[in-house]
Amino acid sequence: MKSLKELYRIGMGPSSSHTMGPYNAARIFKNRTPSADNYRVTLFGSLAATGSGHLTDHAINSGLSHVKCQIIWKKEKELPLHPNGLLFEAFDADRKILEEWLVYSVGGGALKETCSPDSSKDIYPFKNMAELLKQCEGDGKTLWNYVEEYEGKEIWQYLKEVLRVMGESIKRGIEAEGVLPGGLNLRRKAAQYYTRATQSKLFLENTGTIFSYALAVAEENASGNLIVTAPTCGSAGVLPAVLFFIRDFYKVTDEKLLRALATAGIIGNLVKKNASISGAEVGCQGEIGTACAMAAGAATQLLGGTAHQIEYAAEMGMEHHLGLTCDPIMGLVQIPCIERNAIAAVKAMDCASYALFSDGRHLISFDEVVCTMAQTGRDLKKHYRETSEGGLAVFYKRKPKIKVNTNPIVP
């Protein structure tokens, strides 16, 4: 299993697979072809279907340092390795091809080349949650202990920066107002929700605060601002909302937040290794479902849960998002994405509460629900996997215009 640095990536929204990944790929290819006069980039499958709404073309042009580039969109053609395929071609001034590179943006900002092994180093020896829990039972440790053990003490400095960026995105988001870019004319809601939460008490104050924090980050992401993938851009609001809500309401230290962030990273990495966090590959269950599982596990730890209770909360967070489709309207990471962040953050707290009332024993394991999610994702028609060709995206297009009767009949 890889380093948490490959799961928590700091960058600009709105999409880890459609913006961060292509941007990173373009930078790599530009460095490999410094003498190129111009480029051609072909986008396949999901990248072509929703790339415009996710600013994929802008990300690529920026990564290529705005050297002349022709972008070709082939949404009808999906390459075999992953739905998010990119073919880069570099040319000289006489249009002679210098180099070409086929690469895939596989979620969370990560890239994978065709038929080549993953060159990044495995950090953790365990393959699934069962192995991890067995190790915890053997040496008395809990999940976060293994992050320092296998990544070294320097990982905490990286996680401090991750936590800082998460906190800053909440602060910016609850202050910002106006309309989100993209054409849906969707109004920002985080500031309004936060104000109403501060004027409420008990349940409404708690729930409203979580809503506002999650909305703040999700709206910052939709605006193309700086966020942390947790595990993706589209699900970036869930974990920060839970962590900072617990910090503010339960007065926990930043050190404990960092440990919870480490535990959440272990959970997310296990999903990434054994299934997928890519909406184009398995639907939104791989994004929001994973984010909810990460946040639920982190919350359980912060509130005093055992390793087995953490595993139970994470299992529930994923289980109750099984089958969730990825159907962004107009290809924008706005509807239903932003609202899903808010709902999943509250659900994560519910999963933590449920697990804490239990002894941690349950019938369906985290590993089993992750495998179920992977199979469910493969069974989903591609229309429901980040193509904007199914679900809400289609019915929004079909929605009839509402006519207002300006001359009502008065009885």
Protein backbone atom coordinates (compact mmCIF):
# COMPACT_ATOMS: atom_id res chain seq x y z
CA MET A 1 0.00 0.00 0.00
CA LYS A 2 1.30 3.44 -0.97
CA SER A 3 2.20 6.51 1.07
CA LEU A 4 -0.55 8.77 2.38
CA LYS A 5 1.12 11.52 0.36
CA GLU A 6 -0.36 9.88 -2.74
CA LEU A 7 -3.85 9.94 -1.25
CA TYR A 8 -3.87 13.42 0.29
CA ARG A 9 -2.86 15.70 -2.57
CA ILE A 10 -2.96 19.47 -2.27
CA GLY A 11 -4.08 21.22 -5.44
CA MET A 12 -6.71 23.17 -7.32
CA GLY A 13 -10.24 21.85 -7.94
CA PRO A 14 -12.69 21.01 -9.25
CA SER A 15 -11.71 17.38 -10.00
CA SER A 16 -8.79 15.19 -8.98
CA SER A 17 -9.20 12.84 -11.95
CA HIS A 18 -10.33 15.42 -14.53
CA THR A 19 -8.27 18.45 -13.45
CA MET A 20 -5.36 17.50 -11.17
CA GLY A 21 -4.46 14.31 -13.04
CA PRO A 22 -4.44 15.85 -16.55
CA TYR A 23 -2.57 18.89 -15.26
CA ASN A 24 0.11 16.68 -13.70
CA ALA A 25 0.31 14.58 -16.88
CA ALA A 26 0.69 17.68 -19.04
CA ARG A 27 3.53 18.99 -16.87
CA ILE A 28 5.34 15.65 -17.08
CA PHE A 29 4.98 15.52 -20.87
CA LYS A 30 6.07 19.14 -21.26
CA ASN A 31 9.25 18.40 -19.29
CA ARG A 32 9.88 15.35 -21.49
CA THR A 33 9.47 17.34 -24.71
CA PRO A 34 11.00 20.78 -24.10
CA SER A 35 11.73 21.35 -27.81
CA ALA A 36 8.15 20.74 -28.98
CA ASP A 37 6.59 23.46 -31.10
CA ASN A 38 2.99 22.33 -30.55
CA TYR A 39 0.93 19.53 -29.04
CA ARG A 40 -2.15 17.44 -29.63
CA VAL A 41 -3.99 15.81 -26.74
CA THR A 42 -6.81 13.33 -27.25
CA LEU A 43 -9.23 12.76 -24.37
CA PHE A 44 -11.11 9.47 -24.20
CA GLY A 45 -14.22 8.23 -22.42
CA SER A 46 -15.20 10.03 -19.24
CA LEU A 47 -12.47 12.65 -19.62
CA ALA A 48 -14.02 13.71 -22.92
CA ALA A 49 -17.61 13.39 -21.70
CA THR A 50 -17.29 15.71 -18.70
CA GLY A 51 -13.92 17.31 -19.30
CA SER A 52 -15.34 20.66 -20.32
CA GLY A 53 -17.31 21.05 -17.10
CA HIS A 54 -14.31 19.90 -15.08
CA LEU A 55 -11.93 22.36 -16.83
CA THR A 56 -9.78 19.53 -18.21
CA ASP A 57 -8.78 21.52 -21.28
CA HIS A 58 -7.73 24.50 -19.17
CA ALA A 59 -5.71 22.23 -16.87
CA ILE A 60 -3.88 20.65 -19.81
CA ASN A 61 -3.09 23.99 -21.44
CA SER A 62 -1.78 25.28 -18.13
CA GLY A 63 0.36 22.17 -17.64
CA LEU A 64 1.80 22.59 -21.15
CA SER A 65 2.72 26.19 -20.30
CA HIS A 66 0.14 27.36 -22.83
CA VAL A 67 2.17 26.16 -25.82
CA LYS A 68 -0.16 25.75 -28.80
CA CYS A 69 -2.26 22.64 -28.23
CA GLN A 70 -5.09 20.99 -30.13
CA ILE A 71 -7.48 19.05 -27.89
CA ILE A 72 -9.60 16.28 -29.38
CA TRP A 73 -12.64 14.93 -27.49
CA LYS A 74 -13.56 11.26 -28.03
CA LYS A 75 -16.23 10.52 -25.44
CA GLU A 76 -17.59 7.61 -27.47
CA LYS A 77 -14.28 5.70 -27.21
CA GLU A 78 -13.21 4.21 -23.89
CA LEU A 79 -9.74 2.70 -23.64
CA PRO A 80 -9.33 -0.71 -21.95
CA LEU A 81 -7.30 0.16 -18.85
CA HIS A 82 -9.47 2.99 -17.42
CA PRO A 83 -12.26 5.36 -18.56
CA ASN A 84 -9.97 8.40 -18.14
CA GLY A 85 -7.47 8.03 -20.97
CA LEU A 86 -5.23 10.75 -22.45
CA LEU A 87 -2.99 10.52 -25.52
CA PHE A 88 -0.30 13.23 -25.64
CA GLU A 89 1.51 13.94 -28.93
CA ALA A 90 4.36 16.42 -29.36
CA PHE A 91 5.28 17.91 -32.76
CA ASP A 92 8.05 20.06 -34.14
CA ALA A 93 7.45 23.14 -36.29
CA ASP A 94 7.10 20.95 -39.41
CA ARG A 95 4.39 18.83 -37.72
CA LYS A 96 6.75 15.90 -37.41
CA ILE A 97 5.87 13.86 -34.34
CA LEU A 98 8.56 13.91 -31.66
CA GLU A 99 6.99 11.74 -28.97
CA GLU A 100 3.65 10.34 -27.86
CA TRP A 101 2.45 9.17 -24.47
CA LEU A 102 -0.69 7.29 -23.47
CA VAL A 103 -1.57 7.72 -19.80
CA TYR A 104 -4.59 7.31 -17.53
CA SER A 105 -5.88 9.58 -14.77
CA VAL A 106 -7.04 6.94 -12.31
CA GLY A 107 -8.45 9.08 -9.49
CA GLY A 108 -7.15 11.22 -6.67
CA GLY A 109 -4.75 13.00 -9.05
CA ALA A 110 -2.78 9.79 -9.67
CA LEU A 111 -1.57 8.64 -13.10
CA LYS A 112 -0.95 5.20 -14.59
CA GLU A 113 0.82 4.40 -17.84
CA THR A 114 -0.30 1.72 -20.28
CA CYS A 115 0.92 -1.78 -19.46
CA SER A 116 3.58 -0.48 -17.10
CA PRO A 117 3.91 -1.47 -13.44
CA ASP A 118 3.28 1.10 -10.75
CA SER A 119 6.74 2.46 -10.03
CA SER A 120 5.85 4.10 -6.71
CA LYS A 121 7.07 2.29 -3.62
CA ASP A 122 4.83 0.23 -1.34
CA ILE A 123 5.04 1.63 2.18
CA TYR A 124 2.69 -0.57 4.18
CA PRO A 125 2.96 -4.38 4.35
CA PHE A 126 -0.71 -5.17 4.98
CA LYS A 127 -3.10 -5.72 2.09
CA ASN A 128 -6.47 -5.28 3.80
CA MET A 129 -8.19 -4.24 7.01
CA ALA A 130 -8.26 -7.79 8.39
CA GLU A 131 -4.46 -7.97 8.31
CA LEU A 132 -4.21 -4.55 9.91
CA LEU A 133 -6.61 -5.41 12.74
CA LYS A 134 -4.73 -8.65 13.39
CA GLN A 135 -1.52 -6.66 13.68
CA CYS A 136 -3.22 -4.21 16.06
CA GLU A 137 -4.34 -7.10 18.27
CA GLY A 138 -0.85 -8.57 18.26
CA ASP A 139 1.10 -5.52 19.35
CA GLY A 140 -1.55 -3.40 21.09
CA LYS A 141 -1.33 -0.50 18.65
CA THR A 142 -4.10 1.27 16.78
CA LEU A 143 -4.32 2.30 13.13
CA TRP A 144 -2.54 5.65 13.26
CA ASN A 145 0.54 4.17 14.93
CA TYR A 146 1.46 2.37 11.73
CA VAL A 147 1.57 5.59 9.73
CA GLU A 148 4.58 6.82 11.68
CA GLU A 149 6.08 3.33 11.86
CA TYR A 150 6.11 2.80 8.10
CA GLU A 151 6.39 6.37 6.79
CA GLY A 152 8.68 7.87 9.42
CA LYS A 153 8.18 10.87 11.68
CA GLU A 154 8.45 13.23 8.71
CA ILE A 155 4.95 12.23 7.61
CA TRP A 156 3.53 14.40 10.40
CA GLN A 157 4.92 17.55 8.82
CA TYR A 158 3.17 16.68 5.57
CA LEU A 159 -0.08 15.94 7.39
CA LYS A 160 0.20 19.26 9.24
CA GLU A 161 0.20 21.01 5.87
CA VAL A 162 -2.76 18.90 4.74
CA LEU A 163 -4.68 19.86 7.88
CA ARG A 164 -3.75 23.52 7.42
CA VAL A 165 -5.05 23.60 3.83
CA MET A 166 -8.25 21.84 4.91
CA GLY A 167 -8.82 24.42 7.64
CA GLU A 168 -8.10 27.34 5.32
CA SER A 169 -10.56 26.02 2.74
CA ILE A 170 -13.27 25.96 5.41
CA LYS A 171 -12.44 29.51 6.52
CA ARG A 172 -12.55 30.84 2.95
CA GLY A 173 -15.67 28.92 2.11
CA ILE A 174 -17.81 30.12 5.01
CA GLU A 175 -16.90 33.72 4.17
CA ALA A 176 -17.39 33.57 0.41
CA GLU A 177 -20.71 34.42 -1.16
CA GLY A 178 -22.05 34.72 -4.70
CA VAL A 179 -22.63 32.35 -7.60
CA LEU A 180 -20.43 29.40 -8.53
CA PRO A 181 -18.87 29.38 -12.02
CA GLY A 182 -19.97 27.04 -14.79
CA GLY A 183 -23.41 28.04 -16.01
CA LEU A 184 -25.76 26.44 -13.48
CA ASN A 185 -25.95 29.74 -11.59
CA LEU A 186 -25.76 27.82 -8.34
CA ARG A 187 -25.57 30.08 -5.31
CA ARG A 188 -23.00 29.45 -2.59
CA LYS A 189 -24.70 28.31 0.63
CA ALA A 190 -21.92 27.73 3.17
CA ALA A 191 -21.96 31.25 4.60
CA GLN A 192 -25.72 31.21 5.04
CA TYR A 193 -25.69 27.76 6.67
CA TYR A 194 -22.89 28.77 9.02
CA THR A 195 -24.71 31.91 10.13
CA ARG A 196 -27.90 29.98 10.81
CA ALA A 197 -25.97 27.28 12.67
CA THR A 198 -24.42 29.85 15.02
CA GLN A 199 -27.91 31.14 15.81
CA SER A 200 -29.20 27.65 16.63
CA LYS A 201 -28.78 25.29 19.58
CA LEU A 202 -28.12 21.61 20.21
CA PHE A 203 -28.91 19.31 17.26
CA LEU A 204 -29.46 22.08 14.71
CA GLU A 205 -26.29 23.88 15.74
CA ASN A 206 -24.22 20.71 15.45
CA THR A 207 -25.74 19.53 12.19
CA GLY A 208 -25.75 22.99 10.65
CA THR A 209 -22.08 23.50 11.49
CA ILE A 210 -21.11 20.20 9.85
CA PHE A 211 -23.21 21.12 6.82
CA SER A 212 -21.59 24.54 6.54
CA TYR A 213 -18.02 23.21 6.84
CA ALA A 214 -18.60 20.55 4.20
CA LEU A 215 -20.34 23.02 1.88
CA ALA A 216 -17.51 25.49 2.35
CA VAL A 217 -14.85 23.08 1.08
CA ALA A 218 -17.04 21.65 -1.69
CA GLU A 219 -17.86 25.15 -2.94
CA GLU A 220 -14.21 26.15 -2.85
CA ASN A 221 -13.46 23.06 -4.93
CA ALA A 222 -16.21 23.90 -7.42
CA SER A 223 -14.65 27.34 -7.78
CA GLY A 224 -11.29 25.84 -8.71
CA ASN A 225 -9.60 26.92 -5.48
CA LEU A 226 -7.02 25.16 -3.29
CA ILE A 227 -8.23 22.02 -1.50
CA VAL A 228 -7.00 18.58 -0.42
CA THR A 229 -8.14 15.38 -2.11
CA ALA A 230 -9.81 13.30 0.60
CA PRO A 231 -9.75 11.03 -1.28
CA THR A 232 -10.83 13.09 -4.34
CA CYS A 233 -11.68 16.68 -5.15
CA GLY A 234 -15.38 15.91 -5.57
CA SER A 235 -15.51 14.44 -2.05
CA ALA A 236 -13.03 16.85 -0.45
CA GLY A 237 -15.51 18.41 1.99
CA VAL A 238 -16.50 15.37 4.04
CA LEU A 239 -13.38 14.67 6.12
CA PRO A 240 -12.45 18.32 6.87
CA ALA A 241 -16.03 19.02 8.00
CA VAL A 242 -15.94 16.15 10.51
CA LEU A 243 -12.42 16.84 11.78
CA PHE A 244 -12.93 20.55 12.34
CA PHE A 245 -16.43 20.11 13.79
CA ILE A 246 -15.01 17.75 16.42
CA ARG A 247 -12.12 20.12 17.06
CA ASP A 248 -14.46 23.07 17.60
CA PHE A 249 -17.17 21.30 19.61
CA TYR A 250 -15.13 18.74 21.57
CA LYS A 251 -11.98 20.85 21.99
CA VAL A 252 -9.55 18.17 20.82
CA THR A 253 -5.94 19.07 20.12
CA ASP A 254 -4.34 19.40 16.70
CA GLU A 255 -2.12 16.44 17.58
CA LYS A 256 -5.20 14.23 17.92
CA LEU A 257 -6.59 15.65 14.67
CA LEU A 258 -3.38 14.64 12.91
CA ARG A 259 -3.67 11.11 14.28
CA ALA A 260 -7.28 10.94 13.07
CA LEU A 261 -6.16 12.23 9.68
CA ALA A 262 -3.61 9.42 9.56
CA THR A 263 -6.26 6.82 10.41
CA ALA A 264 -8.58 8.22 7.75
CA GLY A 265 -5.71 7.99 5.26
CA ILE A 266 -5.17 4.31 6.05
CA ILE A 267 -8.89 3.66 5.41
CA GLY A 268 -8.86 5.58 2.13
CA ASN A 269 -5.70 3.85 0.96
CA LEU A 270 -7.22 0.43 1.60
CA VAL A 271 -10.18 1.35 -0.61
CA LYS A 272 -7.86 2.72 -3.27
CA LYS A 273 -5.78 -0.47 -3.22
CA ASN A 274 -8.60 -3.03 -3.19
CA ALA A 275 -11.28 -1.20 -5.20
CA SER A 276 -11.18 2.34 -6.61
CA ILE A 277 -11.73 5.97 -5.64
CA SER A 278 -12.42 7.01 -9.24
CA GLY A 279 -15.95 8.13 -10.06
CA ALA A 280 -15.31 7.31 -13.70
CA GLU A 281 -14.49 3.72 -12.75
CA VAL A 282 -16.95 2.85 -9.95
CA GLY A 283 -19.33 5.79 -9.62
CA CYS A 284 -19.71 8.21 -6.73
CA GLN A 285 -19.70 5.36 -4.20
CA GLY A 286 -15.93 5.28 -4.70
CA GLU A 287 -15.63 8.99 -3.94
CA ILE A 288 -18.28 10.02 -1.42
CA GLY A 289 -18.54 6.49 -0.02
CA THR A 290 -14.82 6.38 0.65
CA ALA A 291 -14.81 9.89 2.08
CA CYS A 292 -17.63 8.96 4.46
CA ALA A 293 -15.79 5.81 5.54
CA MET A 294 -12.61 7.82 6.18
CA ALA A 295 -14.46 10.49 8.17
CA ALA A 296 -16.45 7.92 10.15
CA GLY A 297 -13.29 6.09 11.17
CA ALA A 298 -11.54 9.34 12.09
CA ALA A 299 -14.49 10.52 14.18
CA THR A 300 -14.70 7.19 16.01
CA GLN A 301 -11.05 7.41 16.96
CA LEU A 302 -11.36 11.02 18.13
CA LEU A 303 -14.34 10.10 20.30
CA GLY A 304 -12.52 7.25 22.01
CA GLY A 305 -13.28 4.23 19.84
CA THR A 306 -11.25 1.04 19.59
CA ALA A 307 -9.67 -0.26 16.39
CA HIS A 308 -12.62 -2.60 15.87
CA GLN A 309 -15.12 0.22 16.37
CA ILE A 310 -13.17 2.34 13.87
CA GLU A 311 -13.38 -0.51 11.35
CA TYR A 312 -17.13 -0.86 12.00
CA ALA A 313 -17.79 2.86 11.47
CA ALA A 314 -15.76 2.86 8.25
CA GLU A 315 -17.65 -0.21 7.01
CA MET A 316 -20.99 1.52 7.60
CA GLY A 317 -19.81 4.70 5.90
CA MET A 318 -19.10 2.73 2.74
CA GLU A 319 -21.98 0.26 3.00
CA HIS A 320 -24.65 2.93 3.02
CA HIS A 321 -23.31 4.53 -0.15
CA LEU A 322 -23.20 1.33 -2.21
CA GLY A 323 -24.56 1.83 -5.72
CA LEU A 324 -24.26 5.64 -5.62
CA THR A 325 -23.95 6.87 -9.19
CA CYS A 326 -21.77 9.66 -10.55
CA ASP A 327 -24.08 11.84 -12.64
CA PRO A 328 -22.94 15.48 -12.43
CA ILE A 329 -25.29 17.90 -14.15
CA MET A 330 -23.53 19.63 -17.06
CA GLY A 331 -20.34 17.79 -16.01
CA LEU A 332 -19.85 20.27 -13.16
CA VAL A 333 -18.75 19.21 -9.68
CA GLN A 334 -21.78 20.99 -8.23
CA ILE A 335 -25.09 19.12 -8.45
CA PRO A 336 -25.41 16.65 -6.77
CA CYS A 337 -21.77 16.68 -5.63
CA ILE A 338 -21.74 19.63 -3.22
CA GLU A 339 -24.85 18.58 -1.34
CA ARG A 340 -23.57 15.00 -1.11
CA ASN A 341 -20.51 16.24 0.78
CA ALA A 342 -22.71 17.83 3.42
CA ILE A 343 -24.99 14.82 3.82
CA ALA A 344 -22.08 12.34 3.91
CA ALA A 345 -20.31 14.37 6.61
CA VAL A 346 -23.34 14.13 8.91
CA LYS A 347 -23.73 10.46 8.02
CA ALA A 348 -20.10 9.89 9.01
CA MET A 349 -20.85 11.26 12.48
CA ASP A 350 -23.91 9.00 12.68
CA CYS A 351 -21.79 5.96 11.73
CA ALA A 352 -19.27 6.88 14.41
CA SER A 353 -22.00 7.25 17.03
CA TYR A 354 -23.54 3.91 16.06
CA ALA A 355 -20.20 2.12 16.22
CA LEU A 356 -19.34 3.67 19.59
CA PHE A 357 -22.56 2.30 21.10
CA SER A 358 -21.52 -1.17 19.94
CA ASP A 359 -18.67 -3.45 20.96
CA GLY A 360 -17.30 -3.33 17.41
CA ARG A 361 -18.56 -6.76 16.41
CA HIS A 362 -20.66 -7.05 13.24
CA LEU A 363 -21.33 -9.49 10.38
CA ILE A 364 -20.14 -7.62 7.26
CA SER A 365 -16.48 -6.61 7.38
CA PHE A 366 -14.92 -3.48 5.92
CA ASP A 367 -12.97 -5.62 3.46
CA GLU A 368 -16.16 -7.33 2.27
CA VAL A 369 -17.99 -4.07 1.70
CA VAL A 370 -15.00 -2.67 -0.22
CA CYS A 371 -15.02 -5.72 -2.50
CA THR A 372 -18.78 -5.29 -2.89
CA MET A 373 -18.29 -1.67 -3.89
CA ALA A 374 -15.73 -2.65 -6.53
CA GLN A 375 -18.04 -5.27 -8.01
CA THR A 376 -21.01 -2.91 -7.92
CA GLY A 377 -18.94 -0.28 -9.72
CA ARG A 378 -18.00 -2.72 -12.46
CA ASP A 379 -21.65 -3.70 -12.86
CA LEU A 380 -22.83 -0.10 -13.22
CA LYS A 381 -23.48 0.98 -16.79
CA LYS A 382 -20.91 3.52 -17.90
CA HIS A 383 -23.69 6.13 -18.16
CA TYR A 384 -23.74 6.17 -14.36
CA ARG A 385 -19.98 6.51 -13.96
CA GLU A 386 -19.09 10.17 -14.45
CA THR A 387 -20.18 10.61 -18.03
CA SER A 388 -23.14 12.96 -17.44
CA GLU A 389 -25.08 10.68 -19.79
CA GLY A 390 -27.33 9.12 -17.15
CA GLY A 391 -29.21 9.79 -13.94
CA LEU A 392 -29.75 13.36 -12.77
CA ALA A 393 -27.67 14.80 -15.59
CA VAL A 394 -30.08 13.43 -18.20
CA PHE A 395 -33.30 14.21 -16.38
CA TYR A 396 -32.13 17.77 -15.76
CA LYS A 397 -31.79 18.21 -19.54
CA ARG A 398 -35.26 16.77 -20.07
CA LYS A 399 -36.89 18.82 -17.35
CA PRO A 400 -39.69 20.92 -18.84
CA LYS A 401 -39.71 24.63 -18.26
CA ILE A 402 -42.21 25.61 -15.56
CA LYS A 403 -44.81 28.06 -16.80
CA VAL A 404 -46.18 30.48 -14.29
CA ASN A 405 -49.91 31.21 -14.58
CA THR A 406 -50.04 34.99 -14.50
CA ASN A 407 -53.81 35.03 -14.84
CA PRO A 408 -55.13 32.64 -12.20
CA ILE A 409 -58.79 31.80 -12.15
CA VAL A 410 -60.34 33.33 -9.05
CA PRO A 411 -63.27 31.25 -7.75
